[in-house]
Amino acid sequence: FRTTTAPAFRAYQRHRTRYLARARAELGLDAYVPRVAGSFVRGRLVDEVYLPLVGDNLAKQLGTAGADRRTDRGGLLL
């Protein structure tokens, strides 16, 4: 095993690594790396600034589910 199979497997790994590097360069896969979208900043702005400002009022409007739920939750009060 040490003299035939393990060295052959290591050679296969080296060959595969070189082949994949060449294929990646030919296809230009580095151009498709995920990046942070601009909407992420907008989402953080909503989460960290606007939601704390209107969160309590929104919670009052939505109310709770269950038997003690009020029926006067018809419209938005913002």
N, C-alpha and C. Protein backbone atom coordinates (compact mmCIF):
# COMPACT_ATOMS: atom_id res chain seq x y z
N PHE A 1 0.83 -1.20 0.00
CA PHE A 1 0.00 0.00 0.00
C PHE A 1 0.87 1.26 0.00
N ARG A 2 1.90 1.28 0.86
CA ARG A 2 2.76 2.46 0.96
C ARG A 2 3.58 2.70 -0.30
N THR A 3 3.91 1.64 -0.99
CA THR A 3 4.79 1.80 -2.15
C THR A 3 4.04 2.02 -3.45
N THR A 4 2.79 1.63 -3.54
CA THR A 4 2.07 1.79 -4.81
C THR A 4 0.83 2.67 -4.69
N THR A 5 -0.06 2.35 -3.79
CA THR A 5 -1.35 3.04 -3.73
C THR A 5 -1.23 4.46 -3.20
N ALA A 6 -0.52 4.66 -2.10
CA ALA A 6 -0.40 6.00 -1.51
C ALA A 6 0.32 6.97 -2.45
N PRO A 7 1.46 6.60 -3.05
CA PRO A 7 2.10 7.53 -4.00
C PRO A 7 1.22 7.82 -5.23
N ALA A 8 0.51 6.81 -5.69
CA ALA A 8 -0.37 7.03 -6.84
C ALA A 8 -1.50 7.99 -6.47
N PHE A 9 -2.02 7.87 -5.28
CA PHE A 9 -3.08 8.77 -4.84
C PHE A 9 -2.56 10.19 -4.71
N ARG A 10 -1.35 10.35 -4.17
CA ARG A 10 -0.76 11.70 -4.06
C ARG A 10 -0.52 12.31 -5.44
N ALA A 11 -0.07 11.49 -6.38
CA ALA A 11 0.13 11.98 -7.75
C ALA A 11 -1.21 12.40 -8.37
N TYR A 12 -2.24 11.61 -8.12
CA TYR A 12 -3.58 11.96 -8.60
C TYR A 12 -4.04 13.28 -8.01
N GLN A 13 -3.80 13.50 -6.72
CA GLN A 13 -4.21 14.75 -6.08
C GLN A 13 -3.47 15.94 -6.69
N ARG A 14 -2.17 15.79 -6.94
CA ARG A 14 -1.41 16.88 -7.56
C ARG A 14 -1.93 17.19 -8.95
N HIS A 15 -2.17 16.13 -9.73
CA HIS A 15 -2.69 16.30 -11.09
C HIS A 15 -4.06 16.98 -11.05
N ARG A 16 -4.94 16.55 -10.16
CA ARG A 16 -6.27 17.12 -10.04
C ARG A 16 -6.20 18.60 -9.66
N THR A 17 -5.31 18.93 -8.73
CA THR A 17 -5.16 20.32 -8.30
C THR A 17 -4.72 21.21 -9.46
N ARG A 18 -3.73 20.74 -10.23
CA ARG A 18 -3.25 21.52 -11.38
C ARG A 18 -4.36 21.66 -12.43
N TYR A 19 -5.07 20.57 -12.70
CA TYR A 19 -6.14 20.60 -13.70
C TYR A 19 -7.25 21.56 -13.28
N LEU A 20 -7.65 21.51 -12.03
CA LEU A 20 -8.72 22.39 -11.56
C LEU A 20 -8.30 23.86 -11.57
N ALA A 21 -7.03 24.12 -11.26
CA ALA A 21 -6.54 25.50 -11.31
C ALA A 21 -6.59 26.03 -12.74
N ARG A 22 -6.17 25.19 -13.71
CA ARG A 22 -6.23 25.60 -15.11
C ARG A 22 -7.68 25.82 -15.56
N ALA A 23 -8.56 24.91 -15.21
CA ALA A 23 -9.96 25.02 -15.60
C ALA A 23 -10.61 26.25 -14.97
N ARG A 24 -10.28 26.53 -13.73
CA ARG A 24 -10.82 27.71 -13.05
C ARG A 24 -10.36 28.98 -13.75
N ALA A 25 -9.08 29.02 -14.16
CA ALA A 25 -8.56 30.20 -14.85
C ALA A 25 -9.22 30.36 -16.22
N GLU A 26 -9.43 29.26 -16.94
CA GLU A 26 -10.06 29.33 -18.26
C GLU A 26 -11.51 29.80 -18.18
N LEU A 27 -12.23 29.31 -17.20
CA LEU A 27 -13.64 29.67 -17.07
C LEU A 27 -13.86 31.03 -16.43
N GLY A 28 -12.84 31.56 -15.77
CA GLY A 28 -12.98 32.85 -15.11
C GLY A 28 -13.91 32.79 -13.92
N LEU A 29 -13.83 31.73 -13.15
CA LEU A 29 -14.74 31.55 -12.02
C LEU A 29 -14.51 32.57 -10.91
N ASP A 30 -13.36 33.21 -10.88
CA ASP A 30 -13.10 34.20 -9.84
C ASP A 30 -13.99 35.43 -10.00
N ALA A 31 -14.56 35.61 -11.19
CA ALA A 31 -15.47 36.75 -11.41
C ALA A 31 -16.81 36.53 -10.72
N TYR A 32 -17.10 35.30 -10.32
CA TYR A 32 -18.39 34.99 -9.71
C TYR A 32 -18.31 34.81 -8.20
N VAL A 33 -17.37 35.46 -7.57
CA VAL A 33 -17.23 35.39 -6.12
C VAL A 33 -18.36 36.20 -5.49
N PRO A 34 -19.06 35.67 -4.51
CA PRO A 34 -20.16 36.43 -3.91
C PRO A 34 -19.66 37.68 -3.20
N ARG A 35 -20.39 38.75 -3.38
CA ARG A 35 -20.06 40.02 -2.75
C ARG A 35 -21.27 40.52 -1.97
N VAL A 36 -21.05 41.42 -1.05
CA VAL A 36 -22.13 41.99 -0.26
C VAL A 36 -22.94 42.92 -1.15
N ALA A 37 -24.24 42.72 -1.17
CA ALA A 37 -25.12 43.54 -2.00
C ALA A 37 -25.36 44.90 -1.34
N GLY A 38 -25.70 45.88 -2.16
CA GLY A 38 -25.99 47.20 -1.64
C GLY A 38 -27.21 47.21 -0.74
N SER A 39 -28.13 46.29 -0.97
CA SER A 39 -29.33 46.24 -0.15
C SER A 39 -29.03 45.79 1.28
N PHE A 40 -27.84 45.17 1.48
CA PHE A 40 -27.46 44.76 2.83
C PHE A 40 -27.33 45.97 3.73
N VAL A 41 -26.73 47.05 3.23
CA VAL A 41 -26.57 48.27 4.02
C VAL A 41 -27.94 48.85 4.32
N ARG A 42 -28.83 48.83 3.33
CA ARG A 42 -30.18 49.34 3.54
C ARG A 42 -30.91 48.50 4.58
N GLY A 43 -30.73 47.18 4.54
CA GLY A 43 -31.36 46.31 5.53
C GLY A 43 -30.85 46.59 6.92
N ARG A 44 -29.55 46.84 7.05
CA ARG A 44 -28.99 47.19 8.36
C ARG A 44 -29.55 48.51 8.84
N LEU A 45 -29.72 49.47 7.92
CA LEU A 45 -30.28 50.76 8.28
C LEU A 45 -31.69 50.60 8.83
N VAL A 46 -32.48 49.79 8.16
CA VAL A 46 -33.85 49.55 8.63
C VAL A 46 -33.83 48.86 9.98
N ASP A 47 -33.00 47.82 10.12
CA ASP A 47 -32.95 47.06 11.37
C ASP A 47 -32.45 47.88 12.55
N GLU A 48 -31.43 48.71 12.30
CA GLU A 48 -30.76 49.38 13.42
C GLU A 48 -31.28 50.79 13.69
N VAL A 49 -31.94 51.43 12.71
CA VAL A 49 -32.39 52.81 12.92
C VAL A 49 -33.92 52.91 12.91
N TYR A 50 -34.53 52.51 11.81
CA TYR A 50 -35.97 52.73 11.68
C TYR A 50 -36.80 51.80 12.55
N LEU A 51 -36.43 50.54 12.61
CA LEU A 51 -37.23 49.59 13.39
C LEU A 51 -37.30 49.95 14.87
N PRO A 52 -36.19 50.37 15.50
CA PRO A 52 -36.33 50.80 16.90
C PRO A 52 -37.24 52.03 17.06
N LEU A 53 -37.30 52.89 16.03
CA LEU A 53 -38.15 54.07 16.12
C LEU A 53 -39.63 53.72 16.03
N VAL A 54 -39.98 52.82 15.11
CA VAL A 54 -41.39 52.51 14.89
C VAL A 54 -41.78 51.15 15.45
N GLY A 55 -40.85 50.45 16.04
CA GLY A 55 -41.11 49.09 16.50
C GLY A 55 -42.21 48.99 17.54
N ASP A 56 -42.20 49.87 18.53
CA ASP A 56 -43.23 49.82 19.58
C ASP A 56 -44.61 50.12 19.00
N ASN A 57 -44.68 51.12 18.15
CA ASN A 57 -45.95 51.47 17.54
C ASN A 57 -46.45 50.33 16.66
N LEU A 58 -45.55 49.71 15.92
CA LEU A 58 -45.92 48.59 15.06
C LEU A 58 -46.40 47.41 15.90
N ALA A 59 -45.74 47.17 17.01
CA ALA A 59 -46.16 46.07 17.89
C ALA A 59 -47.55 46.33 18.45
N LYS A 60 -47.86 47.58 18.78
CA LYS A 60 -49.20 47.91 19.27
C LYS A 60 -50.25 47.66 18.19
N GLN A 61 -49.89 48.00 16.94
CA GLN A 61 -50.84 47.83 15.85
C GLN A 61 -51.09 46.36 15.55
N LEU A 62 -50.05 45.56 15.59
CA LEU A 62 -50.20 44.15 15.27
C LEU A 62 -50.90 43.39 16.38
N GLY A 63 -50.62 43.77 17.61
CA GLY A 63 -51.25 43.11 18.74
C GLY A 63 -50.77 41.69 18.92
N THR A 64 -51.50 40.93 19.68
CA THR A 64 -51.13 39.55 19.95
C THR A 64 -52.23 38.63 19.45
N ALA A 65 -51.88 37.40 19.19
CA ALA A 65 -52.87 36.41 18.77
C ALA A 65 -53.40 35.70 20.00
N GLY A 66 -54.64 35.30 19.95
CA GLY A 66 -55.20 34.57 21.08
C GLY A 66 -56.59 35.05 21.43
N ALA A 67 -57.11 34.53 22.55
CA ALA A 67 -58.48 34.83 22.96
C ALA A 67 -58.64 36.27 23.41
N ASP A 68 -57.60 36.86 24.00
CA ASP A 68 -57.71 38.23 24.51
C ASP A 68 -57.33 39.28 23.47
N ARG A 69 -57.35 38.91 22.23
CA ARG A 69 -56.97 39.83 21.16
C ARG A 69 -58.04 40.89 20.97
N ARG A 70 -57.60 42.12 20.77
CA ARG A 70 -58.54 43.22 20.55
C ARG A 70 -58.94 43.26 19.08
N THR A 71 -60.13 43.74 18.82
CA THR A 71 -60.64 43.76 17.44
C THR A 71 -60.47 45.11 16.77
N ASP A 72 -59.92 46.11 17.46
CA ASP A 72 -59.79 47.44 16.87
C ASP A 72 -58.42 47.63 16.21
N ARG A 73 -57.91 46.62 15.60
CA ARG A 73 -56.62 46.70 14.93
C ARG A 73 -56.81 46.79 13.42
N GLY A 74 -57.62 47.70 12.97
CA GLY A 74 -57.99 47.73 11.56
C GLY A 74 -57.00 48.39 10.64
N GLY A 75 -56.30 49.43 11.07
CA GLY A 75 -55.42 50.16 10.15
C GLY A 75 -54.10 50.51 10.78
N LEU A 76 -53.20 50.99 9.94
CA LEU A 76 -51.88 51.39 10.43
C LEU A 76 -51.96 52.77 11.04
N LEU A 77 -51.26 52.97 12.12
CA LEU A 77 -51.31 54.24 12.84
C LEU A 77 -50.01 55.01 12.75
N LEU A 78 -49.12 54.65 11.83
CA LEU A 78 -47.83 55.32 11.74
C LEU A 78 -48.04 56.76 11.41
